[in-house]
Amino acid sequence: MNVIKETNFEGLGKRTQGKVRDIYEQPAQLLLVTTDRHSSFDRIIAHIPHKGAVLNLISAFWFELTKDIVPNQLIEVPDSNVIVAKRAQPFLVEVVVRGYLTGVTDTSIWTNYQKGKRDFGGITLPDGMTKNMPLPRAIITPTTKAGHDENLDLSEVVPRGLATAEQWAEMQRAALALFARGQEHASSKGFILVDTKYEFGLHDGKVILIDEVHTPDNSRYWLKSSFEERIAKGEEPMAFDKEFLRIWFKENCDPYNDATLPEAPEEMVTELSRRYIEIYETLTGAKFSVDESMPPLERMQKNLEKYML
């Protein structure tokens, strides 16, 4: 099966490569191409069939569903893997909103709770909590936006010059409202939106939502129907996000420090692709469909012809 590892389109503007997206800069807009690269632990760990299209289309769905809460970057979706976005100056802070005590990365709340930290996002958690327990309320735990994310206290964002007090207040308001909307919709479709990450930018003097929203890449989703039973048995929740693969790497290597990582098992890659498609179809109510009448790079090139400079 074809996977989209990278793109190198000519004539679409200067190209920069993010962890998952190839970004083409144009005078008035950006072309954001979502590839099938799978990023965790600050590196690419696999390529997942159809993942890029799922992320792109699910973001487009959520951008539309939440545009009443905060303006966003979306202009149009010319291809299943591409969003045309407004140009914005990104704030160099990632606004992470959490509803549960979980995670396996260095910045995750569970990792830090195990190390003895109890103060998170303006609340103090009691001793004796266990992994995957719900938090008393949704909290914001910001991180720096860099090659290696660093946790920040809420009070550090403004003094560090990452945003003005007014901008940071708006980002926090929008993030909590977006998360509440996301949890409500996910719950109605049989999923728990566990946590997520929002990125914001400044466009025409206003704070707007950029990057991606409520995807299984920047969010954790658990299956609601089996959650309590699995927790009671001491099992991990049924995950429909990249945590499924993250846990395997954490158990089989040191993903932060090993120079070479093992290859993800083919059956896990296939299963993750299936889960991404399933959550897209369940959340959006739309059938996942990608034009496979031609190779994906050819298809994208054709669909992006009108954006040639």
Foldseek 3Di string as FASTA:
>chain_A
DDFFPDDDDPQQADWDDDQFWIWHDDPFWIKTFGGQFADDLLHTAAGFPPQQLLQQVLQVLLQVVQCVLFHAFADDDLASGIGIGGDFAWQQKKKKKFFFQADDHPPGNVNVVVVPDQDAQHDGHDPDDDHGHTDPAIHIWMWGRDSDTDTDHLVVCCVVPSDHPVQSVSVVSSVRVSQVVVQVLQVVLQKGFGMFIWIWGADPNGIHTYDGPPALRGTWIFGNVCVVVQVVVVHDGHTLHCVLVVVVQVVVHPVNDDPDGDHGDPVSSNVSNVSSQVSSCSSNVDHDDHPPPDRPNVVVCVSCVVSRD
